[in-house]
PDB file of N, CA and C in Angstrom:
ATOM      1  N   UNK A   1       0.845  -1.182   0.000  1.00  0.00           N
ATOM      2  CA  UNK A   1       0.000   0.000   0.000  1.00  0.00           C
ATOM      3  C   UNK A   1       0.887   1.242   0.000  1.00  0.00           C
ATOM      4  N   UNK A   2       0.565   2.186  -0.852  1.00  0.00           N
ATOM      5  CA  UNK A   2       1.268   3.471  -0.909  1.00  0.00           C
ATOM      6  C   UNK A   2       0.318   4.549  -0.427  1.00  0.00           C
ATOM      7  N   UNK A   3       0.829   5.376   0.468  1.00  0.00           N
ATOM      8  CA  UNK A   3       0.064   6.523   0.939  1.00  0.00           C
ATOM      9  C   UNK A   3       0.765   7.775   0.432  1.00  0.00           C
ATOM     10  N   UNK A   4      -0.021   8.693  -0.127  1.00  0.00           N
ATOM     11  CA  UNK A   4       0.540   9.926  -0.667  1.00  0.00           C
ATOM     12  C   UNK A   4      -0.335  11.103  -0.256  1.00  0.00           C
ATOM     13  N   UNK A   5       0.301  12.246  -0.149  1.00  0.00           N
ATOM     14  CA  UNK A   5      -0.405  13.490   0.110  1.00  0.00           C
ATOM     15  C   UNK A   5      -0.280  14.335  -1.143  1.00  0.00           C
ATOM     16  N   UNK A   6      -1.413  14.803  -1.645  1.00  0.00           N
ATOM     17  CA  UNK A   6      -1.414  15.601  -2.864  1.00  0.00           C
ATOM     18  C   UNK A   6      -1.848  17.017  -2.495  1.00  0.00           C
ATOM     19  N   UNK A   7      -0.971  17.967  -2.794  1.00  0.00           N
ATOM     20  CA  UNK A   7      -1.239  19.375  -2.549  1.00  0.00           C
ATOM     21  C   UNK A   7      -1.769  19.959  -3.854  1.00  0.00           C
ATOM     22  N   UNK A   8      -2.914  20.636  -3.782  1.00  0.00           N
ATOM     23  CA  UNK A   8      -3.624  21.057  -4.986  1.00  0.00           C
ATOM     24  C   UNK A   8      -3.827  22.567  -4.995  1.00  0.00           C
ATOM     25  N   UNK A   9      -3.536  23.177  -6.132  1.00  0.00           N
ATOM     26  CA  UNK A   9      -3.839  24.587  -6.362  1.00  0.00           C
ATOM     27  C   UNK A   9      -4.929  24.636  -7.429  1.00  0.00           C
ATOM     28  N   UNK A  10      -5.999  25.392  -7.165  1.00  0.00           N
ATOM     29  CA  UNK A  10      -7.105  25.492  -8.114  1.00  0.00           C
ATOM     30  C   UNK A  10      -7.284  26.935  -8.573  1.00  0.00           C
ATOM     31  N   UNK A  11      -8.036  27.105  -9.645  1.00  0.00           N
ATOM     32  CA  UNK A  11      -8.362  28.446 -10.118  1.00  0.00           C
ATOM     33  C   UNK A  11      -9.175  29.155  -9.041  1.00  0.00           C
ATOM     34  N   UNK A  12      -8.887  30.419  -8.792  1.00  0.00           N
ATOM     35  CA  UNK A  12      -9.628  31.159  -7.762  1.00  0.00           C
ATOM     36  C   UNK A  12     -11.140  31.082  -7.987  1.00  0.00           C
ATOM     37  N   UNK A  13     -11.852  30.838  -6.890  1.00  0.00           N
ATOM     38  CA  UNK A  13     -13.310  30.764  -6.932  1.00  0.00           C
ATOM     39  C   UNK A  13     -13.871  29.399  -7.252  1.00  0.00           C
ATOM     40  N   UNK A  14     -12.998  28.410  -7.521  1.00  0.00           N
ATOM     41  CA  UNK A  14     -13.485  27.071  -7.870  1.00  0.00           C
ATOM     42  C   UNK A  14     -13.195  26.035  -6.784  1.00  0.00           C
ATOM     43  N   UNK A  15     -12.778  26.492  -5.628  1.00  0.00           N
ATOM     44  CA  UNK A  15     -12.373  25.581  -4.557  1.00  0.00           C
ATOM     45  C   UNK A  15     -13.476  24.573  -4.200  1.00  0.00           C
ATOM     46  N   UNK A  16     -14.683  25.047  -4.010  1.00  0.00           N
ATOM     47  CA  UNK A  16     -15.779  24.161  -3.606  1.00  0.00           C
ATOM     48  C   UNK A  16     -16.126  23.167  -4.714  1.00  0.00           C
ATOM     49  N   UNK A  17     -16.132  23.621  -5.942  1.00  0.00           N
ATOM     50  CA  UNK A  17     -16.438  22.752  -7.083  1.00  0.00           C
ATOM     51  C   UNK A  17     -15.409  21.626  -7.196  1.00  0.00           C
ATOM     52  N   UNK A  18     -14.130  21.959  -7.069  1.00  0.00           N
ATOM     53  CA  UNK A  18     -13.072  20.949  -7.154  1.00  0.00           C
ATOM     54  C   UNK A  18     -13.149  20.014  -5.952  1.00  0.00           C
ATOM     55  N   UNK A  19     -13.378  20.568  -4.765  1.00  0.00           N
ATOM     56  CA  UNK A  19     -13.496  19.769  -3.547  1.00  0.00           C
ATOM     57  C   UNK A  19     -14.585  18.711  -3.720  1.00  0.00           C
ATOM     58  N   UNK A  20     -15.747  19.131  -4.194  1.00  0.00           N
ATOM     59  CA  UNK A  20     -16.871  18.201  -4.373  1.00  0.00           C
ATOM     60  C   UNK A  20     -16.554  17.125  -5.406  1.00  0.00           C
ATOM     61  N   UNK A  21     -15.878  17.501  -6.483  1.00  0.00           N
ATOM     62  CA  UNK A  21     -15.520  16.518  -7.513  1.00  0.00           C
ATOM     63  C   UNK A  21     -14.540  15.484  -6.967  1.00  0.00           C
ATOM     64  N   UNK A  22     -13.588  15.921  -6.160  1.00  0.00           N
ATOM     65  CA  UNK A  22     -12.587  15.007  -5.608  1.00  0.00           C
ATOM     66  C   UNK A  22     -13.138  14.142  -4.486  1.00  0.00           C
ATOM     67  N   UNK A  23     -14.043  14.674  -3.693  1.00  0.00           N
ATOM     68  CA  UNK A  23     -14.547  13.974  -2.506  1.00  0.00           C
ATOM     69  C   UNK A  23     -15.252  12.663  -2.854  1.00  0.00           C
ATOM     70  N   UNK A  24     -15.652  12.491  -4.086  1.00  0.00           N
ATOM     71  CA  UNK A  24     -16.367  11.281  -4.517  1.00  0.00           C
ATOM     72  C   UNK A  24     -15.447  10.106  -4.823  1.00  0.00           C
ATOM     73  N   UNK A  25     -14.148  10.340  -4.884  1.00  0.00           N
ATOM     74  CA  UNK A  25     -13.206   9.297  -5.292  1.00  0.00           C
ATOM     75  C   UNK A  25     -12.828   8.402  -4.119  1.00  0.00           C
ATOM     76  N   UNK A  26     -12.911   7.087  -4.316  1.00  0.00           N
ATOM     77  CA  UNK A  26     -12.665   6.121  -3.235  1.00  0.00           C
ATOM     78  C   UNK A  26     -11.197   6.021  -2.833  1.00  0.00           C
ATOM     79  N   UNK A  27     -10.284   6.447  -3.680  1.00  0.00           N
ATOM     80  CA  UNK A  27      -8.858   6.405  -3.315  1.00  0.00           C
ATOM     81  C   UNK A  27      -8.477   7.543  -2.372  1.00  0.00           C
ATOM     82  N   UNK A  28      -9.300   8.575  -2.316  1.00  0.00           N
ATOM     83  CA  UNK A  28      -9.045   9.708  -1.430  1.00  0.00           C
ATOM     84  C   UNK A  28      -9.623   9.394  -0.061  1.00  0.00           C
ATOM     85  N   UNK A  29      -8.745   9.243   0.917  1.00  0.00           N
ATOM     86  CA  UNK A  29      -9.165   8.868   2.269  1.00  0.00           C
ATOM     87  C   UNK A  29      -9.465  10.076   3.133  1.00  0.00           C
ATOM     88  N   UNK A  30      -8.795  11.198   2.849  1.00  0.00           N
ATOM     89  CA  UNK A  30      -9.052  12.452   3.558  1.00  0.00           C
ATOM     90  C   UNK A  30      -8.906  13.585   2.566  1.00  0.00           C
ATOM     91  N   UNK A  31      -9.716  14.623   2.758  1.00  0.00           N
ATOM     92  CA  UNK A  31      -9.637  15.800   1.896  1.00  0.00           C
ATOM     93  C   UNK A  31      -9.889  17.034   2.756  1.00  0.00           C
ATOM     94  N   UNK A  32      -9.047  18.032   2.580  1.00  0.00           N
ATOM     95  CA  UNK A  32      -9.141  19.257   3.386  1.00  0.00           C
ATOM     96  C   UNK A  32      -9.039  20.480   2.481  1.00  0.00           C
ATOM     97  N   UNK A  33      -9.876  21.455   2.717  1.00  0.00           N
ATOM     98  CA  UNK A  33      -9.676  22.784   2.146  1.00  0.00           C
ATOM     99  C   UNK A  33      -8.787  23.524   3.125  1.00  0.00           C
ATOM    100  N   UNK A  34      -7.746  24.169   2.619  1.00  0.00           N
ATOM    101  CA  UNK A  34      -6.784  24.830   3.494  1.00  0.00           C
ATOM    102  C   UNK A  34      -6.490  26.237   2.983  1.00  0.00           C
ATOM    103  N   UNK A  35      -5.892  27.038   3.854  1.00  0.00           N
ATOM    104  CA  UNK A  35      -5.466  28.389   3.504  1.00  0.00           C
ATOM    105  C   UNK A  35      -3.975  28.377   3.251  1.00  0.00           C
ATOM    106  N   UNK A  36      -3.525  29.266   2.382  1.00  0.00           N
ATOM    107  CA  UNK A  36      -2.100  29.367   2.110  1.00  0.00           C
ATOM    108  C   UNK A  36      -1.798  29.138   0.652  1.00  0.00           C
ATOM    109  N   UNK A  37      -0.618  28.641   0.382  1.00  0.00           N
ATOM    110  CA  UNK A  37      -0.143  28.441  -0.987  1.00  0.00           C
ATOM    111  C   UNK A  37      -0.985  27.419  -1.745  1.00  0.00           C
ATOM    112  N   UNK A  38      -1.499  26.418  -1.033  1.00  0.00           N
ATOM    113  CA  UNK A  38      -2.324  25.372  -1.629  1.00  0.00           C
ATOM    114  C   UNK A  38      -3.769  25.575  -1.192  1.00  0.00           C
ATOM    115  N   UNK A  39      -4.695  25.049  -1.985  1.00  0.00           N
ATOM    116  CA  UNK A  39      -6.122  25.210  -1.704  1.00  0.00           C
ATOM    117  C   UNK A  39      -6.748  23.955  -1.104  1.00  0.00           C
ATOM    118  N   UNK A  40      -6.257  22.795  -1.517  1.00  0.00           N
ATOM    119  CA  UNK A  40      -6.815  21.509  -1.079  1.00  0.00           C
ATOM    120  C   UNK A  40      -5.655  20.553  -0.826  1.00  0.00           C
ATOM    121  N   UNK A  41      -5.784  19.747   0.227  1.00  0.00           N
ATOM    122  CA  UNK A  41      -4.813  18.684   0.490  1.00  0.00           C
ATOM    123  C   UNK A  41      -5.567  17.362   0.521  1.00  0.00           C
ATOM    124  N   UNK A  42      -5.029  16.365  -0.175  1.00  0.00           N
ATOM    125  CA  UNK A  42      -5.629  15.033  -0.227  1.00  0.00           C
ATOM    126  C   UNK A  42      -4.696  14.024   0.417  1.00  0.00           C
ATOM    127  N   UNK A  43      -5.272  13.061   1.113  1.00  0.00           N
ATOM    128  CA  UNK A  43      -4.511  11.870   1.525  1.00  0.00           C
ATOM    129  C   UNK A  43      -5.060  10.731   0.690  1.00  0.00           C
ATOM    130  N   UNK A  44      -4.191  10.144  -0.115  1.00  0.00           N
ATOM    131  CA  UNK A  44      -4.581   9.129  -1.086  1.00  0.00           C
ATOM    132  C   UNK A  44      -3.922   7.809  -0.723  1.00  0.00           C
ATOM    133  N   UNK A  45      -4.669   6.719  -0.842  1.00  0.00           N
ATOM    134  CA  UNK A  45      -4.110   5.375  -0.650  1.00  0.00           C
ATOM    135  C   UNK A  45      -4.295   4.589  -1.937  1.00  0.00           C
ATOM    136  N   UNK A  46      -3.180   4.029  -2.433  1.00  0.00           N
ATOM    137  CA  UNK A  46      -3.200   3.211  -3.642  1.00  0.00           C
ATOM    138  C   UNK A  46      -2.377   1.951  -3.400  1.00  0.00           C
ATOM    139  N   UNK A  47      -2.589   0.951  -4.232  1.00  0.00           N
ATOM    140  CA  UNK A  47      -1.883  -0.310  -4.063  1.00  0.00           C
ATOM    141  C   UNK A  47      -0.444  -0.287  -4.533  1.00  0.00           C
ATOM    142  N   UNK A  48      -0.154   0.532  -5.551  1.00  0.00           N
ATOM    143  CA  UNK A  48       1.196   0.568  -6.114  1.00  0.00           C
ATOM    144  C   UNK A  48       1.392   1.866  -6.885  1.00  0.00           C
ATOM    145  N   UNK A  49       2.604   2.076  -7.378  1.00  0.00           N
ATOM    146  CA  UNK A  49       2.925   3.323  -8.067  1.00  0.00           C
ATOM    147  C   UNK A  49       2.131   3.465  -9.364  1.00  0.00           C
ATOM    148  N   UNK A  50       1.809   2.363 -10.002  1.00  0.00           N
ATOM    149  CA  UNK A  50       0.992   2.404 -11.216  1.00  0.00           C
ATOM    150  C   UNK A  50      -0.394   2.964 -10.937  1.00  0.00           C
ATOM    151  N   UNK A  51      -0.965   2.593  -9.789  1.00  0.00           N
ATOM    152  CA  UNK A  51      -2.273   3.128  -9.403  1.00  0.00           C
ATOM    153  C   UNK A  51      -2.183   4.620  -9.098  1.00  0.00           C
ATOM    154  N   UNK A  52      -1.067   5.050  -8.538  1.00  0.00           N
ATOM    155  CA  UNK A  52      -0.876   6.479  -8.283  1.00  0.00           C
ATOM    156  C   UNK A  52      -0.768   7.232  -9.608  1.00  0.00           C
ATOM    157  N   UNK A  53      -0.046   6.678 -10.566  1.00  0.00           N
ATOM    158  CA  UNK A  53       0.032   7.274 -11.898  1.00  0.00           C
ATOM    159  C   UNK A  53      -1.359   7.391 -12.516  1.00  0.00           C
ATOM    160  N   UNK A  54      -2.126   6.330 -12.407  1.00  0.00           N
ATOM    161  CA  UNK A  54      -3.478   6.308 -12.948  1.00  0.00           C
ATOM    162  C   UNK A  54      -4.367   7.336 -12.263  1.00  0.00           C
ATOM    163  N   UNK A  55      -4.228   7.490 -10.945  1.00  0.00           N
ATOM    164  CA  UNK A  55      -4.998   8.482 -10.197  1.00  0.00           C
ATOM    165  C   UNK A  55      -4.683   9.884 -10.729  1.00  0.00           C
ATOM    166  N   UNK A  56      -3.423  10.156 -10.950  1.00  0.00           N
ATOM    167  CA  UNK A  56      -3.034  11.465 -11.498  1.00  0.00           C
ATOM    168  C   UNK A  56      -3.630  11.677 -12.890  1.00  0.00           C
ATOM    169  N   UNK A  57      -3.492  10.665 -13.750  1.00  0.00           N
ATOM    170  CA  UNK A  57      -3.929  10.801 -15.140  1.00  0.00           C
ATOM    171  C   UNK A  57      -5.450  10.803 -15.296  1.00  0.00           C
ATOM    172  N   UNK A  58      -6.127   9.931 -14.571  1.00  0.00           N
ATOM    173  CA  UNK A  58      -7.566   9.738 -14.787  1.00  0.00           C
ATOM    174  C   UNK A  58      -8.459  10.539 -13.847  1.00  0.00           C
ATOM    175  N   UNK A  59      -7.874  11.076 -12.776  1.00  0.00           N
ATOM    176  CA  UNK A  59      -8.677  11.858 -11.829  1.00  0.00           C
ATOM    177  C   UNK A  59      -8.226  13.314 -11.833  1.00  0.00           C
ATOM    178  N   UNK A  60      -7.017  13.559 -11.394  1.00  0.00           N
ATOM    179  CA  UNK A  60      -6.569  14.941 -11.214  1.00  0.00           C
ATOM    180  C   UNK A  60      -6.485  15.712 -12.526  1.00  0.00           C
ATOM    181  N   UNK A  61      -5.944  15.110 -13.552  1.00  0.00           N
ATOM    182  CA  UNK A  61      -5.734  15.833 -14.821  1.00  0.00           C
ATOM    183  C   UNK A  61      -7.022  16.035 -15.609  1.00  0.00           C
ATOM    184  N   UNK A  62      -8.094  15.417 -15.186  1.00  0.00           N
ATOM    185  CA  UNK A  62      -9.384  15.587 -15.871  1.00  0.00           C
ATOM    186  C   UNK A  62     -10.263  16.659 -15.225  1.00  0.00           C
ATOM    187  N   UNK A  63      -9.779  17.266 -14.165  1.00  0.00           N
ATOM    188  CA  UNK A  63     -10.518  18.352 -13.527  1.00  0.00           C
ATOM    189  C   UNK A  63      -9.908  19.660 -14.017  1.00  0.00           C
ATOM    190  N   UNK A  64     -10.650  20.361 -14.870  1.00  0.00           N
ATOM    191  CA  UNK A  64     -10.123  21.554 -15.552  1.00  0.00           C
ATOM    192  C   UNK A  64      -9.670  22.652 -14.603  1.00  0.00           C
ATOM    193  N   UNK A  65     -10.282  22.795 -13.466  1.00  0.00           N
ATOM    194  CA  UNK A  65      -9.976  23.907 -12.568  1.00  0.00           C
ATOM    195  C   UNK A  65      -8.754  23.676 -11.688  1.00  0.00           C
ATOM    196  N   UNK A  66      -8.131  22.512 -11.785  1.00  0.00           N
ATOM    197  CA  UNK A  66      -6.888  22.274 -11.056  1.00  0.00           C
ATOM    198  C   UNK A  66      -5.746  22.879 -11.868  1.00  0.00           C
ATOM    199  N   UNK A  67      -5.016  23.799 -11.246  1.00  0.00           N
ATOM    200  CA  UNK A  67      -3.907  24.458 -11.927  1.00  0.00           C
ATOM    201  C   UNK A  67      -2.578  23.752 -11.703  1.00  0.00           C
ATOM    202  N   UNK A  68      -2.394  23.173 -10.512  1.00  0.00           N
ATOM    203  CA  UNK A  68      -1.113  22.554 -10.184  1.00  0.00           C
ATOM    204  C   UNK A  68      -1.298  21.565  -9.040  1.00  0.00           C
ATOM    205  N   UNK A  69      -0.495  20.523  -9.048  1.00  0.00           N
ATOM    206  CA  UNK A  69      -0.467  19.587  -7.918  1.00  0.00           C
ATOM    207  C   UNK A  69       0.982  19.298  -7.553  1.00  0.00           C
ATOM    208  N   UNK A  70       1.169  18.912  -6.312  1.00  0.00           N
ATOM    209  CA  UNK A  70       2.460  18.414  -5.843  1.00  0.00           C
ATOM    210  C   UNK A  70       2.156  17.175  -5.015  1.00  0.00           C
ATOM    211  N   UNK A  71       2.803  16.078  -5.348  1.00  0.00           N
ATOM    212  CA  UNK A  71       2.524  14.808  -4.676  1.00  0.00           C
ATOM    213  C   UNK A  71       3.701  14.419  -3.798  1.00  0.00           C
ATOM    214  N   UNK A  72       3.399  14.124  -2.542  1.00  0.00           N
ATOM    215  CA  UNK A  72       4.394  13.701  -1.566  1.00  0.00           C
ATOM    216  C   UNK A  72       4.076  12.260  -1.187  1.00  0.00           C
ATOM    217  N   UNK A  73       4.976  11.347  -1.480  1.00  0.00           N
ATOM    218  CA  UNK A  73       4.774   9.942  -1.140  1.00  0.00           C
ATOM    219  C   UNK A  73       5.330   9.709   0.257  1.00  0.00           C
ATOM    220  N   UNK A  74       4.476   9.186   1.141  1.00  0.00           N
ATOM    221  CA  UNK A  74       4.875   8.968   2.532  1.00  0.00           C
ATOM    222  C   UNK A  74       5.860   7.803   2.613  1.00  0.00           C
ATOM    223  N   UNK A  75       6.918   7.989   3.412  1.00  0.00           N
ATOM    224  CA  UNK A  75       7.899   6.923   3.592  1.00  0.00           C
ATOM    225  C   UNK A  75       7.723   6.202   4.921  1.00  0.00           C
ATOM    226  N   UNK A  76       7.093   6.850   5.886  1.00  0.00           N
ATOM    227  CA  UNK A  76       6.865   6.196   7.180  1.00  0.00           C
ATOM    228  C   UNK A  76       5.727   6.898   7.911  1.00  0.00           C
ATOM    229  N   UNK A  77       5.218   6.200   8.924  1.00  0.00           N
ATOM    230  CA  UNK A  77       4.126   6.744   9.729  1.00  0.00           C
ATOM    231  C   UNK A  77       4.287   6.246  11.153  1.00  0.00           C
ATOM    232  N   UNK A  78       4.133   7.130  12.088  1.00  0.00           N
ATOM    233  CA  UNK A  78       4.161   6.743  13.503  1.00  0.00           C
ATOM    234  C   UNK A  78       2.868   7.238  14.118  1.00  0.00           C
ATOM    235  N   UNK A  79       2.031   6.310  14.528  1.00  0.00           N
ATOM    236  CA  UNK A  79       0.713   6.676  15.057  1.00  0.00           C
ATOM    237  C   UNK A  79       0.571   6.488  16.524  1.00  0.00           C
TER     238      UNK A  79
END
């Protein structure tokens, strides 16, 4: 299992529209609207790097109002 955090920048005024479109995806385990340089942060769980590639290509890149993303792949977790 791969866990990644995706930082999302959207076109101004489209935050809620993008949030709603993303919230329906089963690979997204957490989604937050945030203030600052990024507009939305996602916690994504996928089975392998190929699934992460597919998530980027088939989900994120198909939402017109997303201007930029940055993906951080988690290397460890201490709970």
